[in-house]
Amino acid sequence: MKKSAFVFILCLALASLNTAHGREMRLGLTGGTSMNWFKSETIGYKSEGVTLGFSYGLNWEFVLSENYTFATGMNVVYFGGKLSYPIAGEITETTPYVFKERKYKLQNLEIPFTLKMRTREIGYNSYFAKFGFAGSANLNAKADDRKYNEGGGASILQEDLKIKGSTPLFRASMILGIGVEHSLGGNTVLVGGLTFNNGFTNILRGKDYTGLRNQQARANYIELSVGIIF
């Protein structure tokens, strides 16, 4: 998957460079809200549902032909997920805790590389689908922890813990999306879209409670976005 992503990005970059001279480039602003979740791949780790996130950023498109553009940009993305898992008898305020539910709150700087395929304008609207990959770097990582004792009885909540050491610096993902562009006149376009961002690199670092196995999970989210292109 990583090799395929690299080849795809390289081909799009070369195509955009070859066609950028004398062709249109479109700039825009975008923002969105998302539903996020982690998919665990570690024994004993369980996903505990979705969290809400949001993003904002700048995007630009190199027009390759009437119906195809190479779309990229720079977005600040707030996302996360919830996991519950055993811990190795952590003691807080003299009480031993053996189970933890952690809500991850991550902030990444993401650069997408996508091929955007548009229909011709129908009335004032044109419709599109996009496919590609994205790479992002972690800017900040915090967590809310709720710990439980044996049997799930007494619990303690710790909020806004700094956990950059427990998350990797880089994340890679696949992007699938659909949307609509509405012409406002001239070159100005209002854009709305629905995007699935599927992480395929591990979002966790370190060992599990046994100290023998690496923690493994993937971060995914579905985003509803709006934007404007000039």
Foldseek 3Di string as FASTA:
>chain_A
DVVVQVVVLVVLVVLLVVQQVPFDKKKKKKKWKKWKAKAWDDPFKDFDGTDIWMKIWMKMWRDNDPFKIWIKTKMKIWGWGKMKGFAQQDADPNATFTIKIKTKIWIKIKIWTKMKTWDPDDPQKIKIKIKHKMKIFTDFMFMWMWTAHPPRPDIDIDGGHGPPVFFDGMWMWIKIKIWMWGDPDDFKIKIKMKMKTWTDDFGTAAAHNVRPHTTGMTMIMIIIMIMMMD
